[in-house]
Amino acid sequence: MGFILFLIVGGLIGWLAGLILGKDIPGGILGNIIAGIIGAWIGGLIFGSWGPVIGSIAIFPALIGAIIFVVILSFILKAIR
């Protein structure tokens, strides 16, 4: 159950990051999950683990990390096109 909750929280974090920035994350639901999990990793490296934790993901650092990841991803995709 813990892994499924981890994926759900990762997907919600990725979806919120895309919603806040007004950008679509490529890959749909799978892209949102990946963006949320990578964002949680980036946020954990930069900000540590503070705030509420759901599914072993600290929500606030993960959201900030996912926003950073989506911005970087959008720059890369814009440069490729």
PDB file of N, CA and C in Angstrom:
ATOM      1  N   MET A   1       0.821  -1.199   0.000  1.00  0.00           N
ATOM      2  CA  MET A   1       0.000   0.000   0.000  1.00  0.00           C
ATOM      3  C   MET A   1       0.862   1.259   0.000  1.00  0.00           C
ATOM      4  N   GLY A   2       2.037   1.189   0.615  1.00  0.00           N
ATOM      5  CA  GLY A   2       2.901   2.353   0.706  1.00  0.00           C
ATOM      6  C   GLY A   2       3.408   2.819  -0.656  1.00  0.00           C
ATOM      7  N   PHE A   3       3.725   1.865  -1.529  1.00  0.00           N
ATOM      8  CA  PHE A   3       4.221   2.217  -2.855  1.00  0.00           C
ATOM      9  C   PHE A   3       3.130   2.866  -3.693  1.00  0.00           C
ATOM     10  N   ILE A   4       1.912   2.365  -3.585  1.00  0.00           N
ATOM     11  CA  ILE A   4       0.790   2.951  -4.332  1.00  0.00           C
ATOM     12  C   ILE A   4       0.519   4.365  -3.852  1.00  0.00           C
ATOM     13  N   LEU A   5       0.566   4.581  -2.539  1.00  0.00           N
ATOM     14  CA  LEU A   5       0.376   5.927  -1.995  1.00  0.00           C
ATOM     15  C   LEU A   5       1.491   6.854  -2.455  1.00  0.00           C
ATOM     16  N   PHE A   6       2.716   6.337  -2.524  1.00  0.00           N
ATOM     17  CA  PHE A   6       3.860   7.103  -3.022  1.00  0.00           C
ATOM     18  C   PHE A   6       3.616   7.562  -4.457  1.00  0.00           C
ATOM     19  N   LEU A   7       3.113   6.665  -5.304  1.00  0.00           N
ATOM     20  CA  LEU A   7       2.831   7.010  -6.698  1.00  0.00           C
ATOM     21  C   LEU A   7       1.685   8.012  -6.807  1.00  0.00           C
ATOM     22  N   ILE A   8       0.659   7.848  -5.987  1.00  0.00           N
ATOM     23  CA  ILE A   8      -0.475   8.771  -6.019  1.00  0.00           C
ATOM     24  C   ILE A   8      -0.045  10.162  -5.590  1.00  0.00           C
ATOM     25  N   VAL A   9       0.709  10.256  -4.502  1.00  0.00           N
ATOM     26  CA  VAL A   9       1.184  11.562  -4.031  1.00  0.00           C
ATOM     27  C   VAL A   9       2.132  12.173  -5.045  1.00  0.00           C
ATOM     28  N   GLY A  10       3.004  11.385  -5.654  1.00  0.00           N
ATOM     29  CA  GLY A  10       3.898  11.879  -6.703  1.00  0.00           C
ATOM     30  C   GLY A  10       3.116  12.434  -7.882  1.00  0.00           C
ATOM     31  N   GLY A  11       2.057  11.724  -8.286  1.00  0.00           N
ATOM     32  CA  GLY A  11       1.213  12.200  -9.390  1.00  0.00           C
ATOM     33  C   GLY A  11       0.503  13.497  -9.055  1.00  0.00           C
ATOM     34  N   LEU A  12       0.005  13.607  -7.828  1.00  0.00           N
ATOM     35  CA  LEU A  12      -0.672  14.843  -7.419  1.00  0.00           C
ATOM     36  C   LEU A  12       0.295  16.023  -7.342  1.00  0.00           C
ATOM     37  N   ILE A  13       1.502  15.776  -6.851  1.00  0.00           N
ATOM     38  CA  ILE A  13       2.509  16.836  -6.785  1.00  0.00           C
ATOM     39  C   ILE A  13       2.880  17.298  -8.192  1.00  0.00           C
ATOM     40  N   GLY A  14       3.095  16.367  -9.112  1.00  0.00           N
ATOM     41  CA  GLY A  14       3.415  16.725 -10.499  1.00  0.00           C
ATOM     42  C   GLY A  14       2.278  17.476 -11.157  1.00  0.00           C
ATOM     43  N   TRP A  15       1.038  17.040 -10.905  1.00  0.00           N
ATOM     44  CA  TRP A  15      -0.133  17.719 -11.468  1.00  0.00           C
ATOM     45  C   TRP A  15      -0.248  19.138 -10.920  1.00  0.00           C
ATOM     46  N   LEU A  16      -0.052  19.318  -9.608  1.00  0.00           N
ATOM     47  CA  LEU A  16      -0.118  20.651  -9.011  1.00  0.00           C
ATOM     48  C   LEU A  16       0.970  21.572  -9.555  1.00  0.00           C
ATOM     49  N   ALA A  17       2.167  21.040  -9.751  1.00  0.00           N
ATOM     50  CA  ALA A  17       3.260  21.855 -10.296  1.00  0.00           C
ATOM     51  C   ALA A  17       2.908  22.341 -11.698  1.00  0.00           C
ATOM     52  N   GLY A  18       2.378  21.462 -12.533  1.00  0.00           N
ATOM     53  CA  GLY A  18       1.962  21.865 -13.876  1.00  0.00           C
ATOM     54  C   GLY A  18       0.813  22.852 -13.839  1.00  0.00           C
ATOM     55  N   LEU A  19      -0.105  22.667 -12.894  1.00  0.00           N
ATOM     56  CA  LEU A  19      -1.247  23.562 -12.755  1.00  0.00           C
ATOM     57  C   LEU A  19      -0.809  24.950 -12.297  1.00  0.00           C
ATOM     58  N   ILE A  20       0.103  25.001 -11.335  1.00  0.00           N
ATOM     59  CA  ILE A  20       0.603  26.287 -10.833  1.00  0.00           C
ATOM     60  C   ILE A  20       1.323  27.057 -11.934  1.00  0.00           C
ATOM     61  N   LEU A  21       2.119  26.356 -12.726  1.00  0.00           N
ATOM     62  CA  LEU A  21       2.874  27.011 -13.788  1.00  0.00           C
ATOM     63  C   LEU A  21       2.071  27.202 -15.067  1.00  0.00           C
ATOM     64  N   GLY A  22       0.929  26.554 -15.181  1.00  0.00           N
ATOM     65  CA  GLY A  22       0.124  26.650 -16.395  1.00  0.00           C
ATOM     66  C   GLY A  22       0.747  25.930 -17.569  1.00  0.00           C
ATOM     67  N   LYS A  23       1.496  24.880 -17.297  1.00  0.00           N
ATOM     68  CA  LYS A  23       2.179  24.133 -18.356  1.00  0.00           C
ATOM     69  C   LYS A  23       1.720  22.683 -18.308  1.00  0.00           C
ATOM     70  N   ASP A  24       1.589  22.078 -19.482  1.00  0.00           N
ATOM     71  CA  ASP A  24       1.266  20.665 -19.559  1.00  0.00           C
ATOM     72  C   ASP A  24       2.548  19.855 -19.461  1.00  0.00           C
ATOM     73  N   ILE A  25       2.512  18.846 -18.634  1.00  0.00           N
ATOM     74  CA  ILE A  25       3.660  17.956 -18.511  1.00  0.00           C
ATOM     75  C   ILE A  25       3.482  16.835 -19.526  1.00  0.00           C
ATOM     76  N   PRO A  26       4.471  16.630 -20.397  1.00  0.00           N
ATOM     77  CA  PRO A  26       4.326  15.569 -21.394  1.00  0.00           C
ATOM     78  C   PRO A  26       4.204  14.197 -20.734  1.00  0.00           C
ATOM     79  N   GLY A  27       3.375  13.348 -21.294  1.00  0.00           N
ATOM     80  CA  GLY A  27       3.235  11.995 -20.793  1.00  0.00           C
ATOM     81  C   GLY A  27       1.991  11.762 -19.968  1.00  0.00           C
ATOM     82  N   GLY A  28       1.182  12.782 -19.777  1.00  0.00           N
ATOM     83  CA  GLY A  28      -0.070  12.618 -19.051  1.00  0.00           C
ATOM     84  C   GLY A  28       0.144  12.226 -17.598  1.00  0.00           C
ATOM     85  N   ILE A  29      -0.595  11.209 -17.165  1.00  0.00           N
ATOM     86  CA  ILE A  29      -0.541  10.782 -15.770  1.00  0.00           C
ATOM     87  C   ILE A  29       0.850  10.264 -15.411  1.00  0.00           C
ATOM     88  N   LEU A  30       1.441   9.482 -16.295  1.00  0.00           N
ATOM     89  CA  LEU A  30       2.781   8.958 -16.030  1.00  0.00           C
ATOM     90  C   LEU A  30       3.801  10.095 -15.926  1.00  0.00           C
ATOM     91  N   GLY A  31       3.667  11.109 -16.776  1.00  0.00           N
ATOM     92  CA  GLY A  31       4.543  12.281 -16.703  1.00  0.00           C
ATOM     93  C   GLY A  31       4.374  13.032 -15.397  1.00  0.00           C
ATOM     94  N   ASN A  32       3.128  13.141 -14.920  1.00  0.00           N
ATOM     95  CA  ASN A  32       2.883  13.795 -13.638  1.00  0.00           C
ATOM     96  C   ASN A  32       3.522  13.025 -12.491  1.00  0.00           C
ATOM     97  N   ILE A  33       3.402  11.709 -12.530  1.00  0.00           N
ATOM     98  CA  ILE A  33       4.009  10.887 -11.476  1.00  0.00           C
ATOM     99  C   ILE A  33       5.519  11.051 -11.483  1.00  0.00           C
ATOM    100  N   ILE A  34       6.116  10.985 -12.659  1.00  0.00           N
ATOM    101  CA  ILE A  34       7.574  11.130 -12.768  1.00  0.00           C
ATOM    102  C   ILE A  34       8.014  12.516 -12.316  1.00  0.00           C
ATOM    103  N   ALA A  35       7.279  13.560 -12.743  1.00  0.00           N
ATOM    104  CA  ALA A  35       7.625  14.926 -12.334  1.00  0.00           C
ATOM    105  C   ALA A  35       7.501  15.082 -10.826  1.00  0.00           C
ATOM    106  N   GLY A  36       6.489  14.482 -10.226  1.00  0.00           N
ATOM    107  CA  GLY A  36       6.321  14.574  -8.781  1.00  0.00           C
ATOM    108  C   GLY A  36       7.413  13.854  -8.018  1.00  0.00           C
ATOM    109  N   ILE A  37       7.807  12.678  -8.497  1.00  0.00           N
ATOM    110  CA  ILE A  37       8.844  11.915  -7.809  1.00  0.00           C
ATOM    111  C   ILE A  37      10.205  12.587  -7.976  1.00  0.00           C
ATOM    112  N   ILE A  38      10.519  13.038  -9.176  1.00  0.00           N
ATOM    113  CA  ILE A  38      11.782  13.758  -9.383  1.00  0.00           C
ATOM    114  C   ILE A  38      11.759  15.073  -8.613  1.00  0.00           C
ATOM    115  N   GLY A  39      10.608  15.739  -8.591  1.00  0.00           N
ATOM    116  CA  GLY A  39      10.474  16.966  -7.812  1.00  0.00           C
ATOM    117  C   GLY A  39      10.671  16.727  -6.328  1.00  0.00           C
ATOM    118  N   ALA A  40      10.172  15.609  -5.815  1.00  0.00           N
ATOM    119  CA  ALA A  40      10.379  15.279  -4.407  1.00  0.00           C
ATOM    120  C   ALA A  40      11.857  15.051  -4.120  1.00  0.00           C
ATOM    121  N   TRP A  41      12.543  14.417  -5.061  1.00  0.00           N
ATOM    122  CA  TRP A  41      13.974  14.193  -4.888  1.00  0.00           C
ATOM    123  C   TRP A  41      14.742  15.516  -4.911  1.00  0.00           C
ATOM    124  N   ILE A  42      14.439  16.377  -5.898  1.00  0.00           N
ATOM    125  CA  ILE A  42      15.109  17.681  -5.998  1.00  0.00           C
ATOM    126  C   ILE A  42      14.812  18.528  -4.770  1.00  0.00           C
ATOM    127  N   GLY A  43      13.534  18.578  -4.394  1.00  0.00           N
ATOM    128  CA  GLY A  43      13.154  19.368  -3.222  1.00  0.00           C
ATOM    129  C   GLY A  43      13.788  18.853  -1.943  1.00  0.00           C
ATOM    130  N   GLY A  44      13.908  17.539  -1.818  1.00  0.00           N
ATOM    131  CA  GLY A  44      14.557  16.969  -0.643  1.00  0.00           C
ATOM    132  C   GLY A  44      16.039  17.307  -0.585  1.00  0.00           C
ATOM    133  N   LEU A  45      16.695  17.327  -1.744  1.00  0.00           N
ATOM    134  CA  LEU A  45      18.117  17.699  -1.769  1.00  0.00           C
ATOM    135  C   LEU A  45      18.327  19.162  -1.411  1.00  0.00           C
ATOM    136  N   ILE A  46      17.457  20.028  -1.938  1.00  0.00           N
ATOM    137  CA  ILE A  46      17.640  21.467  -1.736  1.00  0.00           C
ATOM    138  C   ILE A  46      17.123  21.920  -0.374  1.00  0.00           C
ATOM    139  N   PHE A  47      15.907  21.478  -0.010  1.00  0.00           N
ATOM    140  CA  PHE A  47      15.232  22.028   1.163  1.00  0.00           C
ATOM    141  C   PHE A  47      15.143  21.068   2.343  1.00  0.00           C
ATOM    142  N   GLY A  48      15.512  19.828   2.171  1.00  0.00           N
ATOM    143  CA  GLY A  48      15.387  18.866   3.259  1.00  0.00           C
ATOM    144  C   GLY A  48      13.955  18.358   3.362  1.00  0.00           C
ATOM    145  N   SER A  49      13.624  17.828   4.516  1.00  0.00           N
ATOM    146  CA  SER A  49      12.296  17.255   4.716  1.00  0.00           C
ATOM    147  C   SER A  49      11.583  18.025   5.823  1.00  0.00           C
ATOM    148  N   TRP A  50      10.722  18.951   5.444  1.00  0.00           N
ATOM    149  CA  TRP A  50       9.946  19.710   6.423  1.00  0.00           C
ATOM    150  C   TRP A  50       8.500  19.784   5.955  1.00  0.00           C
ATOM    151  N   GLY A  51       7.628  20.054   6.845  1.00  0.00           N
ATOM    152  CA  GLY A  51       6.216  20.133   6.506  1.00  0.00           C
ATOM    153  C   GLY A  51       5.562  18.768   6.589  1.00  0.00           C
ATOM    154  N   PRO A  52       4.311  18.705   6.176  1.00  0.00           N
ATOM    155  CA  PRO A  52       3.592  17.427   6.259  1.00  0.00           C
ATOM    156  C   PRO A  52       4.179  16.390   5.305  1.00  0.00           C
ATOM    157  N   VAL A  53       4.161  15.143   5.750  1.00  0.00           N
ATOM    158  CA  VAL A  53       4.694  14.037   4.964  1.00  0.00           C
ATOM    159  C   VAL A  53       3.557  13.059   4.690  1.00  0.00           C
ATOM    160  N   ILE A  54       3.325  12.788   3.412  1.00  0.00           N
ATOM    161  CA  ILE A  54       2.308  11.814   3.007  1.00  0.00           C
ATOM    162  C   ILE A  54       2.971  10.837   2.044  1.00  0.00           C
ATOM    163  N   GLY A  55       2.828   9.560   2.318  1.00  0.00           N
ATOM    164  CA  GLY A  55       3.421   8.549   1.439  1.00  0.00           C
ATOM    165  C   GLY A  55       4.925   8.675   1.353  1.00  0.00           C
ATOM    166  N   SER A  56       5.567   9.044   2.448  1.00  0.00           N
ATOM    167  CA  SER A  56       7.012   9.262   2.576  1.00  0.00           C
ATOM    168  C   SER A  56       7.531  10.384   1.674  1.00  0.00           C
ATOM    169  N   ILE A  57       6.645  11.307   1.265  1.00  0.00           N
ATOM    170  CA  ILE A  57       7.031  12.479   0.480  1.00  0.00           C
ATOM    171  C   ILE A  57       6.682  13.722   1.290  1.00  0.00           C
ATOM    172  N   ALA A  58       7.671  14.558   1.572  1.00  0.00           N
ATOM    173  CA  ALA A  58       7.432  15.837   2.235  1.00  0.00           C
ATOM    174  C   ALA A  58       6.795  16.772   1.210  1.00  0.00           C
ATOM    175  N   ILE A  59       5.588  17.224   1.477  1.00  0.00           N
ATOM    176  CA  ILE A  59       4.760  17.888   0.474  1.00  0.00           C
ATOM    177  C   ILE A  59       5.364  19.196  -0.029  1.00  0.00           C
ATOM    178  N   PHE A  60       5.729  20.112   0.862  1.00  0.00           N
ATOM    179  CA  PHE A  60       6.192  21.429   0.420  1.00  0.00           C
ATOM    180  C   PHE A  60       7.507  21.387  -0.352  1.00  0.00           C
ATOM    181  N   PRO A  61       8.543  20.702   0.141  1.00  0.00           N
ATOM    182  CA  PRO A  61       9.767  20.606  -0.674  1.00  0.00           C
ATOM    183  C   PRO A  61       9.531  19.889  -2.001  1.00  0.00           C
ATOM    184  N   ALA A  62       8.649  18.875  -1.996  1.00  0.00           N
ATOM    185  CA  ALA A  62       8.371  18.149  -3.234  1.00  0.00           C
ATOM    186  C   ALA A  62       7.681  19.043  -4.250  1.00  0.00           C
ATOM    187  N   LEU A  63       6.749  19.868  -3.790  1.00  0.00           N
ATOM    188  CA  LEU A  63       6.043  20.777  -4.702  1.00  0.00           C
ATOM    189  C   LEU A  63       7.000  21.814  -5.282  1.00  0.00           C
ATOM    190  N   ILE A  64       7.853  22.375  -4.447  1.00  0.00           N
ATOM    191  CA  ILE A  64       8.827  23.360  -4.934  1.00  0.00           C
ATOM    192  C   ILE A  64       9.812  22.692  -5.894  1.00  0.00           C
ATOM    193  N   GLY A  65      10.263  21.492  -5.560  1.00  0.00           N
ATOM    194  CA  GLY A  65      11.172  20.756  -6.446  1.00  0.00           C
ATOM    195  C   GLY A  65      10.515  20.396  -7.767  1.00  0.00           C
ATOM    196  N   ALA A  66       9.228  20.031  -7.734  1.00  0.00           N
ATOM    197  CA  ALA A  66       8.518  19.695  -8.973  1.00  0.00           C
ATOM    198  C   ALA A  66       8.335  20.938  -9.842  1.00  0.00           C
ATOM    199  N   ILE A  67       8.096  22.072  -9.217  1.00  0.00           N
ATOM    200  CA  ILE A  67       7.986  23.326  -9.980  1.00  0.00           C
ATOM    201  C   ILE A  67       9.315  23.622 -10.664  1.00  0.00           C
ATOM    202  N   ILE A  68      10.415  23.465  -9.935  1.00  0.00           N
ATOM    203  CA  ILE A  68      11.744  23.673 -10.524  1.00  0.00           C
ATOM    204  C   ILE A  68      11.963  22.712 -11.688  1.00  0.00           C
ATOM    205  N   PHE A  69      11.593  21.444 -11.497  1.00  0.00           N
ATOM    206  CA  PHE A  69      11.770  20.438 -12.549  1.00  0.00           C
ATOM    207  C   PHE A  69      10.928  20.759 -13.780  1.00  0.00           C
ATOM    208  N   VAL A  70       9.689  21.177 -13.594  1.00  0.00           N
ATOM    209  CA  VAL A  70       8.818  21.489 -14.730  1.00  0.00           C
ATOM    210  C   VAL A  70       9.342  22.709 -15.489  1.00  0.00           C
ATOM    211  N   VAL A  71       9.867  23.701 -14.776  1.00  0.00           N
ATOM    212  CA  VAL A  71      10.447  24.878 -15.445  1.00  0.00           C
ATOM    213  C   VAL A  71      11.648  24.459 -16.287  1.00  0.00           C
ATOM    214  N   ILE A  72      12.530  23.647 -15.721  1.00  0.00           N
ATOM    215  CA  ILE A  72      13.705  23.186 -16.468  1.00  0.00           C
ATOM    216  C   ILE A  72      13.282  22.340 -17.666  1.00  0.00           C
ATOM    217  N   LEU A  73      12.311  21.457 -17.455  1.00  0.00           N
ATOM    218  CA  LEU A  73      11.814  20.612 -18.540  1.00  0.00           C
ATOM    219  C   LEU A  73      11.184  21.447 -19.650  1.00  0.00           C
ATOM    220  N   SER A  74      10.446  22.483 -19.293  1.00  0.00           N
ATOM    221  CA  SER A  74       9.817  23.326 -20.329  1.00  0.00           C
ATOM    222  C   SER A  74      10.865  24.100 -21.125  1.00  0.00           C
ATOM    223  N   PHE A  75      11.950  24.543 -20.467  1.00  0.00           N
ATOM    224  CA  PHE A  75      13.035  25.198 -21.197  1.00  0.00           C
ATOM    225  C   PHE A  75      13.707  24.242 -22.166  1.00  0.00           C
ATOM    226  N   ILE A  76      13.931  23.017 -21.736  1.00  0.00           N
ATOM    227  CA  ILE A  76      14.578  22.024 -22.595  1.00  0.00           C
ATOM    228  C   ILE A  76      13.683  21.705 -23.794  1.00  0.00           C
ATOM    229  N   LEU A  77      12.392  21.494 -23.543  1.00  0.00           N
ATOM    230  CA  LEU A  77      11.480  21.175 -24.632  1.00  0.00           C
ATOM    231  C   LEU A  77      11.318  22.348 -25.599  1.00  0.00           C
ATOM    232  N   LYS A  78      11.354  23.574 -25.080  1.00  0.00           N
ATOM    233  CA  LYS A  78      11.263  24.741 -25.936  1.00  0.00           C
ATOM    234  C   LYS A  78      12.501  24.879 -26.815  1.00  0.00           C
ATOM    235  N   ALA A  79      13.668  24.534 -26.269  1.00  0.00           N
ATOM    236  CA  ALA A  79      14.923  24.624 -27.032  1.00  0.00           C
ATOM    237  C   ALA A  79      14.970  23.563 -28.127  1.00  0.00           C
ATOM    238  N   ILE A  80      14.372  22.417 -27.880  1.00  0.00           N
ATOM    239  CA  ILE A  80      14.374  21.344 -28.873  1.00  0.00           C
ATOM    240  C   ILE A  80      13.469  21.687 -30.047  1.00  0.00           C
ATOM    241  N   ARG A  81      12.356  22.336 -29.807  1.00  0.00           N
ATOM    242  CA  ARG A  81      11.399  22.650 -30.875  1.00  0.00           C
ATOM    243  C   ARG A  81      11.839  23.780 -31.714  1.00  0.00           C
TER     244      ARG A  81
END
